[in-house]
Amino acid sequence: MDFANARLVNEAGSLLTYELPLLPVENNGFPVKKFQLVVRVDRDRQSFEHAALRLIAPLRVMLVAKVQSGEMTASFTTVDPKLPSVLSTMRMDYSASVLLVKKAEIFETTRADFQRVKPYSEKFGVKIGPLRVLPF
């Protein structure tokens, strides 16, 4: 991602929406010009709210497959204001054709049962005492 050339697209109160250009990786051949990355952040909490990666032009893969459209989105939730936001929803949809057979899929996963994990020393309620050496 090219953070130096990020462009502010929308500002609604404390929510800022940026379009981030993608940088090509050397010797990779991945067509980054065909994708658009949009990220929404909360200025007050300094945390992610939403991210979306969209295919903006059809993409041909290995001469037999063609992806006509695609989008991957991720939503973030603040569980504890002292900690960074966590991924709560991820969704991916696409439509493609492989050897003239069309296919479209939608995948979505949501997580809502966030729990604080206790440190190992607090897990069993055991107090760790001073270190003693066994006499031999």
N, C-alpha and C. Protein backbone atom coordinates (compact mmCIF):
# COMPACT_ATOMS: atom_id res chain seq x y z
N MET A 1 0.84 -1.18 0.00
CA MET A 1 0.00 0.00 0.00
C MET A 1 0.88 1.24 0.00
N ASP A 2 0.44 2.23 -0.72
CA ASP A 2 1.19 3.47 -0.83
C ASP A 2 0.55 4.51 0.09
N PHE A 3 0.97 4.53 1.35
CA PHE A 3 0.38 5.44 2.34
C PHE A 3 0.70 6.89 2.04
N ALA A 4 1.82 7.15 1.39
CA ALA A 4 2.21 8.53 1.09
C ALA A 4 1.23 9.18 0.10
N ASN A 5 0.61 8.39 -0.76
CA ASN A 5 -0.33 8.92 -1.76
C ASN A 5 -1.78 8.59 -1.43
N ALA A 6 -2.09 8.38 -0.17
CA ALA A 6 -3.48 8.13 0.24
C ALA A 6 -4.31 9.37 -0.04
N ARG A 7 -5.54 9.14 -0.50
CA ARG A 7 -6.42 10.26 -0.87
C ARG A 7 -7.66 10.22 0.02
N LEU A 8 -7.95 11.34 0.68
CA LEU A 8 -9.15 11.45 1.52
C LEU A 8 -10.37 11.55 0.61
N VAL A 9 -11.29 10.58 0.74
CA VAL A 9 -12.47 10.53 -0.13
C VAL A 9 -13.67 11.16 0.55
N ASN A 10 -13.83 10.89 1.86
CA ASN A 10 -15.01 11.38 2.58
C ASN A 10 -14.64 11.64 4.03
N GLU A 11 -15.27 12.66 4.59
CA GLU A 11 -15.08 12.99 6.00
C GLU A 11 -16.45 13.26 6.60
N ALA A 12 -16.86 12.38 7.53
CA ALA A 12 -18.16 12.53 8.19
C ALA A 12 -17.93 12.50 9.69
N GLY A 13 -17.81 13.66 10.29
CA GLY A 13 -17.53 13.73 11.72
C GLY A 13 -16.13 13.21 12.00
N SER A 14 -16.05 12.19 12.84
CA SER A 14 -14.74 11.63 13.17
C SER A 14 -14.36 10.48 12.24
N LEU A 15 -15.25 10.09 11.32
CA LEU A 15 -14.96 9.00 10.39
C LEU A 15 -14.32 9.54 9.11
N LEU A 16 -13.15 9.03 8.79
CA LEU A 16 -12.42 9.43 7.60
C LEU A 16 -12.32 8.24 6.66
N THR A 17 -12.61 8.45 5.38
CA THR A 17 -12.53 7.40 4.38
C THR A 17 -11.41 7.75 3.41
N TYR A 18 -10.47 6.81 3.27
CA TYR A 18 -9.31 7.01 2.41
C TYR A 18 -9.31 5.98 1.28
N GLU A 19 -8.81 6.40 0.13
CA GLU A 19 -8.52 5.47 -0.95
C GLU A 19 -7.01 5.31 -0.99
N LEU A 20 -6.55 4.07 -0.83
CA LEU A 20 -5.12 3.78 -0.79
C LEU A 20 -4.69 3.11 -2.08
N PRO A 21 -3.75 3.70 -2.80
CA PRO A 21 -3.24 3.01 -3.99
C PRO A 21 -2.37 1.82 -3.57
N LEU A 22 -2.41 0.78 -4.37
CA LEU A 22 -1.61 -0.41 -4.11
C LEU A 22 -0.31 -0.33 -4.91
N LEU A 23 0.76 -0.78 -4.28
CA LEU A 23 2.06 -0.78 -4.94
C LEU A 23 2.34 -2.15 -5.53
N PRO A 24 2.88 -2.20 -6.76
CA PRO A 24 3.20 -3.51 -7.34
C PRO A 24 4.42 -4.12 -6.65
N VAL A 25 4.41 -5.44 -6.56
CA VAL A 25 5.54 -6.18 -6.01
C VAL A 25 6.41 -6.63 -7.17
N GLU A 26 7.71 -6.45 -7.05
CA GLU A 26 8.63 -6.81 -8.13
C GLU A 26 8.53 -8.29 -8.47
N ASN A 27 8.56 -8.59 -9.76
CA ASN A 27 8.55 -9.96 -10.29
C ASN A 27 7.32 -10.76 -9.86
N ASN A 28 6.25 -10.08 -9.47
CA ASN A 28 5.04 -10.78 -9.05
C ASN A 28 4.05 -10.88 -10.21
N GLY A 29 3.90 -9.81 -10.97
CA GLY A 29 2.97 -9.80 -12.09
C GLY A 29 1.52 -9.59 -11.71
N PHE A 30 1.24 -9.35 -10.42
CA PHE A 30 -0.14 -9.12 -9.97
C PHE A 30 -0.60 -7.75 -10.44
N PRO A 31 -1.74 -7.65 -11.13
CA PRO A 31 -2.20 -6.37 -11.69
C PRO A 31 -2.87 -5.47 -10.64
N VAL A 32 -2.08 -4.73 -9.89
CA VAL A 32 -2.62 -3.90 -8.81
C VAL A 32 -3.46 -2.74 -9.34
N LYS A 33 -3.28 -2.37 -10.60
CA LYS A 33 -4.06 -1.27 -11.19
C LYS A 33 -5.54 -1.63 -11.35
N LYS A 34 -5.88 -2.92 -11.28
CA LYS A 34 -7.26 -3.35 -11.45
C LYS A 34 -8.01 -3.45 -10.11
N PHE A 35 -7.37 -3.05 -9.02
CA PHE A 35 -7.98 -3.13 -7.71
C PHE A 35 -8.03 -1.76 -7.05
N GLN A 36 -9.04 -1.59 -6.19
CA GLN A 36 -9.21 -0.35 -5.43
C GLN A 36 -9.36 -0.72 -3.96
N LEU A 37 -8.58 -0.07 -3.10
CA LEU A 37 -8.65 -0.30 -1.67
C LEU A 37 -9.17 0.95 -0.99
N VAL A 38 -10.28 0.80 -0.26
CA VAL A 38 -10.89 1.91 0.47
C VAL A 38 -10.94 1.53 1.94
N VAL A 39 -10.45 2.43 2.79
CA VAL A 39 -10.36 2.17 4.23
C VAL A 39 -11.05 3.30 4.99
N ARG A 40 -11.89 2.93 5.98
CA ARG A 40 -12.54 3.94 6.83
C ARG A 40 -11.97 3.80 8.24
N VAL A 41 -11.51 4.92 8.79
CA VAL A 41 -10.92 4.93 10.13
C VAL A 41 -11.65 5.94 11.00
N ASP A 42 -11.59 5.72 12.31
CA ASP A 42 -12.16 6.64 13.29
C ASP A 42 -11.03 7.49 13.83
N ARG A 43 -11.10 8.79 13.59
CA ARG A 43 -10.04 9.70 13.99
C ARG A 43 -9.93 9.80 15.51
N ASP A 44 -11.06 9.82 16.23
CA ASP A 44 -11.03 9.98 17.68
C ASP A 44 -10.43 8.76 18.37
N ARG A 45 -10.86 7.59 17.99
CA ARG A 45 -10.36 6.35 18.62
C ARG A 45 -9.09 5.82 17.96
N GLN A 46 -8.74 6.38 16.80
CA GLN A 46 -7.58 5.95 16.02
C GLN A 46 -7.63 4.45 15.76
N SER A 47 -8.74 4.01 15.17
CA SER A 47 -8.93 2.59 14.91
C SER A 47 -9.62 2.41 13.56
N PHE A 48 -9.46 1.20 12.99
CA PHE A 48 -10.13 0.85 11.75
C PHE A 48 -11.61 0.63 12.01
N GLU A 49 -12.44 1.00 11.04
CA GLU A 49 -13.87 0.74 11.07
C GLU A 49 -14.25 -0.25 9.97
N HIS A 50 -13.69 -0.04 8.77
CA HIS A 50 -14.10 -0.84 7.61
C HIS A 50 -12.99 -0.78 6.55
N ALA A 51 -12.85 -1.85 5.78
CA ALA A 51 -11.92 -1.89 4.65
C ALA A 51 -12.58 -2.66 3.52
N ALA A 52 -12.36 -2.21 2.29
CA ALA A 52 -12.95 -2.87 1.12
C ALA A 52 -11.93 -2.90 -0.01
N LEU A 53 -11.75 -4.09 -0.58
CA LEU A 53 -10.88 -4.27 -1.74
C LEU A 53 -11.78 -4.70 -2.89
N ARG A 54 -11.84 -3.87 -3.95
CA ARG A 54 -12.75 -4.13 -5.07
C ARG A 54 -11.97 -4.32 -6.36
N LEU A 55 -12.48 -5.20 -7.19
CA LEU A 55 -11.95 -5.38 -8.54
C LEU A 55 -12.66 -4.36 -9.43
N ILE A 56 -11.91 -3.47 -10.05
CA ILE A 56 -12.55 -2.39 -10.83
C ILE A 56 -12.52 -2.66 -12.33
N ALA A 57 -11.78 -3.68 -12.76
CA ALA A 57 -11.76 -4.07 -14.18
C ALA A 57 -11.65 -5.59 -14.25
N PRO A 58 -12.27 -6.21 -15.25
CA PRO A 58 -12.17 -7.68 -15.35
C PRO A 58 -10.72 -8.15 -15.39
N LEU A 59 -10.52 -9.33 -14.84
CA LEU A 59 -9.17 -9.86 -14.67
C LEU A 59 -9.11 -11.26 -15.28
N ARG A 60 -8.17 -11.47 -16.18
CA ARG A 60 -7.99 -12.79 -16.78
C ARG A 60 -6.85 -13.50 -16.06
N VAL A 61 -7.12 -14.78 -15.70
CA VAL A 61 -6.15 -15.58 -14.97
C VAL A 61 -5.80 -16.81 -15.81
N MET A 62 -4.56 -16.97 -16.16
CA MET A 62 -4.03 -18.14 -16.90
C MET A 62 -4.83 -18.47 -18.16
N LEU A 63 -5.32 -17.50 -18.86
CA LEU A 63 -5.99 -17.62 -20.16
C LEU A 63 -7.27 -18.46 -20.16
N VAL A 64 -7.61 -19.15 -19.09
CA VAL A 64 -8.83 -19.98 -19.09
C VAL A 64 -9.89 -19.45 -18.13
N ALA A 65 -9.51 -18.58 -17.22
CA ALA A 65 -10.46 -18.04 -16.25
C ALA A 65 -10.51 -16.52 -16.36
N LYS A 66 -11.71 -16.00 -16.17
CA LYS A 66 -11.89 -14.55 -16.20
C LYS A 66 -12.78 -14.16 -15.03
N VAL A 67 -12.27 -13.27 -14.19
CA VAL A 67 -13.03 -12.77 -13.05
C VAL A 67 -13.67 -11.46 -13.49
N GLN A 68 -15.02 -11.44 -13.54
CA GLN A 68 -15.73 -10.24 -13.99
C GLN A 68 -15.87 -9.21 -12.87
N SER A 69 -16.17 -9.68 -11.66
CA SER A 69 -16.34 -8.75 -10.54
C SER A 69 -15.94 -9.46 -9.25
N GLY A 70 -15.55 -8.67 -8.28
CA GLY A 70 -15.17 -9.24 -6.99
C GLY A 70 -15.00 -8.14 -5.96
N GLU A 71 -15.29 -8.50 -4.73
CA GLU A 71 -15.13 -7.55 -3.63
C GLU A 71 -14.89 -8.32 -2.35
N MET A 72 -13.98 -7.80 -1.55
CA MET A 72 -13.71 -8.36 -0.23
C MET A 72 -13.80 -7.23 0.77
N THR A 73 -14.68 -7.37 1.77
CA THR A 73 -14.85 -6.33 2.77
C THR A 73 -14.59 -6.90 4.16
N ALA A 74 -14.13 -6.03 5.04
CA ALA A 74 -13.87 -6.40 6.42
C ALA A 74 -14.36 -5.27 7.32
N SER A 75 -15.12 -5.63 8.35
CA SER A 75 -15.61 -4.67 9.33
C SER A 75 -14.94 -4.95 10.66
N PHE A 76 -14.63 -3.89 11.38
CA PHE A 76 -13.93 -4.00 12.65
C PHE A 76 -14.79 -3.45 13.77
N THR A 77 -14.64 -4.02 14.98
CA THR A 77 -15.42 -3.62 16.15
C THR A 77 -14.46 -3.30 17.28
N THR A 78 -14.82 -2.28 18.05
CA THR A 78 -14.03 -1.95 19.23
C THR A 78 -14.63 -2.70 20.41
N VAL A 79 -13.87 -3.65 20.96
CA VAL A 79 -14.33 -4.43 22.09
C VAL A 79 -13.94 -3.75 23.39
N ASP A 80 -12.70 -3.31 23.46
CA ASP A 80 -12.17 -2.62 24.63
C ASP A 80 -11.53 -1.32 24.14
N PRO A 81 -11.97 -0.16 24.65
CA PRO A 81 -11.41 1.11 24.16
C PRO A 81 -9.90 1.24 24.38
N LYS A 82 -9.33 0.46 25.28
CA LYS A 82 -7.89 0.53 25.53
C LYS A 82 -7.10 -0.26 24.50
N LEU A 83 -7.78 -1.12 23.74
CA LEU A 83 -7.11 -2.00 22.78
C LEU A 83 -7.53 -1.65 21.35
N PRO A 84 -6.75 -2.07 20.36
CA PRO A 84 -7.15 -1.81 18.96
C PRO A 84 -8.42 -2.55 18.59
N SER A 85 -9.07 -2.08 17.53
CA SER A 85 -10.29 -2.74 17.06
C SER A 85 -9.95 -4.12 16.49
N VAL A 86 -10.94 -5.02 16.54
CA VAL A 86 -10.74 -6.39 16.07
C VAL A 86 -11.68 -6.68 14.90
N LEU A 87 -11.28 -7.62 14.07
CA LEU A 87 -12.08 -8.02 12.92
C LEU A 87 -13.35 -8.72 13.38
N SER A 88 -14.51 -8.22 12.93
CA SER A 88 -15.77 -8.82 13.35
C SER A 88 -16.54 -9.45 12.19
N THR A 89 -16.45 -8.88 10.99
CA THR A 89 -17.16 -9.43 9.85
C THR A 89 -16.27 -9.39 8.61
N MET A 90 -16.26 -10.50 7.89
CA MET A 90 -15.52 -10.55 6.63
C MET A 90 -16.45 -11.13 5.57
N ARG A 91 -16.48 -10.48 4.43
CA ARG A 91 -17.36 -10.90 3.34
C ARG A 91 -16.59 -10.85 2.02
N MET A 92 -16.81 -11.86 1.21
CA MET A 92 -16.17 -11.92 -0.10
C MET A 92 -17.18 -12.41 -1.12
N ASP A 93 -17.29 -11.70 -2.22
CA ASP A 93 -18.15 -12.17 -3.31
C ASP A 93 -17.44 -11.95 -4.64
N TYR A 94 -17.71 -12.83 -5.57
CA TYR A 94 -17.10 -12.73 -6.88
C TYR A 94 -17.99 -13.40 -7.93
N SER A 95 -17.74 -13.05 -9.17
CA SER A 95 -18.35 -13.76 -10.29
C SER A 95 -17.25 -13.96 -11.33
N ALA A 96 -17.17 -15.18 -11.83
CA ALA A 96 -16.10 -15.54 -12.75
C ALA A 96 -16.60 -16.57 -13.74
N SER A 97 -15.79 -16.80 -14.76
CA SER A 97 -16.08 -17.88 -15.71
C SER A 97 -14.80 -18.64 -15.97
N VAL A 98 -14.93 -19.96 -15.95
CA VAL A 98 -13.80 -20.85 -16.23
C VAL A 98 -14.21 -21.74 -17.40
N LEU A 99 -13.50 -21.60 -18.50
CA LEU A 99 -13.83 -22.35 -19.73
C LEU A 99 -15.32 -22.24 -20.08
N LEU A 100 -15.82 -21.03 -20.11
CA LEU A 100 -17.19 -20.69 -20.47
C LEU A 100 -18.24 -21.15 -19.46
N VAL A 101 -17.85 -21.62 -18.31
CA VAL A 101 -18.78 -21.99 -17.24
C VAL A 101 -18.76 -20.86 -16.21
N LYS A 102 -19.93 -20.24 -16.02
CA LYS A 102 -20.01 -19.10 -15.11
C LYS A 102 -20.24 -19.58 -13.68
N LYS A 103 -19.65 -18.83 -12.74
CA LYS A 103 -19.76 -19.19 -11.33
C LYS A 103 -19.77 -17.89 -10.53
N ALA A 104 -20.61 -17.86 -9.50
CA ALA A 104 -20.67 -16.71 -8.58
C ALA A 104 -20.82 -17.27 -7.17
N GLU A 105 -20.08 -16.70 -6.25
CA GLU A 105 -20.09 -17.17 -4.86
C GLU A 105 -20.08 -15.98 -3.92
N ILE A 106 -20.64 -16.21 -2.73
CA ILE A 106 -20.61 -15.23 -1.64
C ILE A 106 -20.21 -15.98 -0.38
N PHE A 107 -19.17 -15.49 0.27
CA PHE A 107 -18.73 -16.05 1.55
C PHE A 107 -18.86 -14.95 2.59
N GLU A 108 -19.37 -15.30 3.76
CA GLU A 108 -19.47 -14.31 4.84
C GLU A 108 -19.25 -15.01 6.17
N THR A 109 -18.47 -14.39 7.02
CA THR A 109 -18.26 -14.90 8.36
C THR A 109 -18.34 -13.74 9.34
N THR A 110 -19.00 -14.00 10.47
CA THR A 110 -19.21 -12.98 11.49
C THR A 110 -18.80 -13.52 12.84
N ARG A 111 -18.17 -12.69 13.61
CA ARG A 111 -17.79 -13.07 14.97
C ARG A 111 -18.33 -12.01 15.92
N ALA A 112 -19.06 -12.46 16.94
CA ALA A 112 -19.68 -11.51 17.87
C ALA A 112 -19.44 -11.86 19.33
N ASP A 113 -18.91 -13.03 19.62
CA ASP A 113 -18.74 -13.47 21.02
C ASP A 113 -17.31 -13.22 21.49
N PHE A 114 -16.98 -11.96 21.70
CA PHE A 114 -15.64 -11.59 22.13
C PHE A 114 -15.53 -11.76 23.64
N GLN A 115 -14.46 -12.40 24.07
CA GLN A 115 -14.22 -12.60 25.49
C GLN A 115 -12.78 -12.25 25.81
N ARG A 116 -12.57 -11.75 27.00
CA ARG A 116 -11.21 -11.43 27.43
C ARG A 116 -10.52 -12.73 27.82
N VAL A 117 -9.31 -12.89 27.36
CA VAL A 117 -8.53 -14.07 27.69
C VAL A 117 -7.70 -13.77 28.93
N LYS A 118 -7.79 -14.65 29.93
CA LYS A 118 -7.02 -14.45 31.14
C LYS A 118 -5.57 -14.85 30.91
N PRO A 119 -4.66 -14.09 31.50
CA PRO A 119 -3.26 -14.51 31.42
C PRO A 119 -3.07 -15.85 32.12
N TYR A 120 -2.04 -16.58 31.74
CA TYR A 120 -1.82 -17.93 32.26
C TYR A 120 -1.67 -17.92 33.78
N SER A 121 -1.02 -16.90 34.32
CA SER A 121 -0.80 -16.85 35.78
C SER A 121 -2.11 -16.67 36.54
N GLU A 122 -3.16 -16.13 35.90
CA GLU A 122 -4.45 -15.93 36.56
C GLU A 122 -5.43 -17.07 36.25
N LYS A 123 -5.06 -17.96 35.36
CA LYS A 123 -5.99 -18.98 34.86
C LYS A 123 -6.50 -19.91 35.95
N PHE A 124 -5.63 -20.37 36.83
CA PHE A 124 -6.04 -21.34 37.84
C PHE A 124 -6.16 -20.72 39.24
N GLY A 125 -5.94 -19.43 39.37
CA GLY A 125 -6.02 -18.78 40.67
C GLY A 125 -4.88 -19.16 41.59
N VAL A 126 -3.75 -19.53 41.03
CA VAL A 126 -2.59 -19.95 41.83
C VAL A 126 -1.66 -18.75 42.00
N LYS A 127 -1.22 -18.54 43.23
CA LYS A 127 -0.24 -17.49 43.48
C LYS A 127 1.15 -18.11 43.40
N ILE A 128 1.99 -17.48 42.64
CA ILE A 128 3.34 -17.98 42.47
C ILE A 128 4.20 -17.44 43.61
N GLY A 129 4.82 -18.34 44.36
CA GLY A 129 5.65 -17.95 45.50
C GLY A 129 7.10 -17.78 45.10
N PRO A 130 7.94 -17.54 46.11
CA PRO A 130 9.36 -17.37 45.82
C PRO A 130 9.98 -18.70 45.36
N LEU A 131 11.02 -18.59 44.57
CA LEU A 131 11.71 -19.75 44.03
C LEU A 131 12.55 -20.40 45.13
N ARG A 132 12.41 -21.72 45.33
CA ARG A 132 13.19 -22.44 46.33
C ARG A 132 13.94 -23.58 45.64
N VAL A 133 15.08 -23.89 46.17
CA VAL A 133 15.90 -24.97 45.65
C VAL A 133 15.71 -26.18 46.52
N LEU A 134 15.58 -27.35 45.93
CA LEU A 134 15.45 -28.59 46.70
C LEU A 134 16.81 -28.99 47.25
N PRO A 135 16.86 -29.37 48.54
CA PRO A 135 18.16 -29.79 49.10
C PRO A 135 18.51 -31.20 48.65
N PHE A 136 19.74 -31.41 48.26
CA PHE A 136 20.22 -32.73 47.86
C PHE A 136 21.23 -33.23 48.86
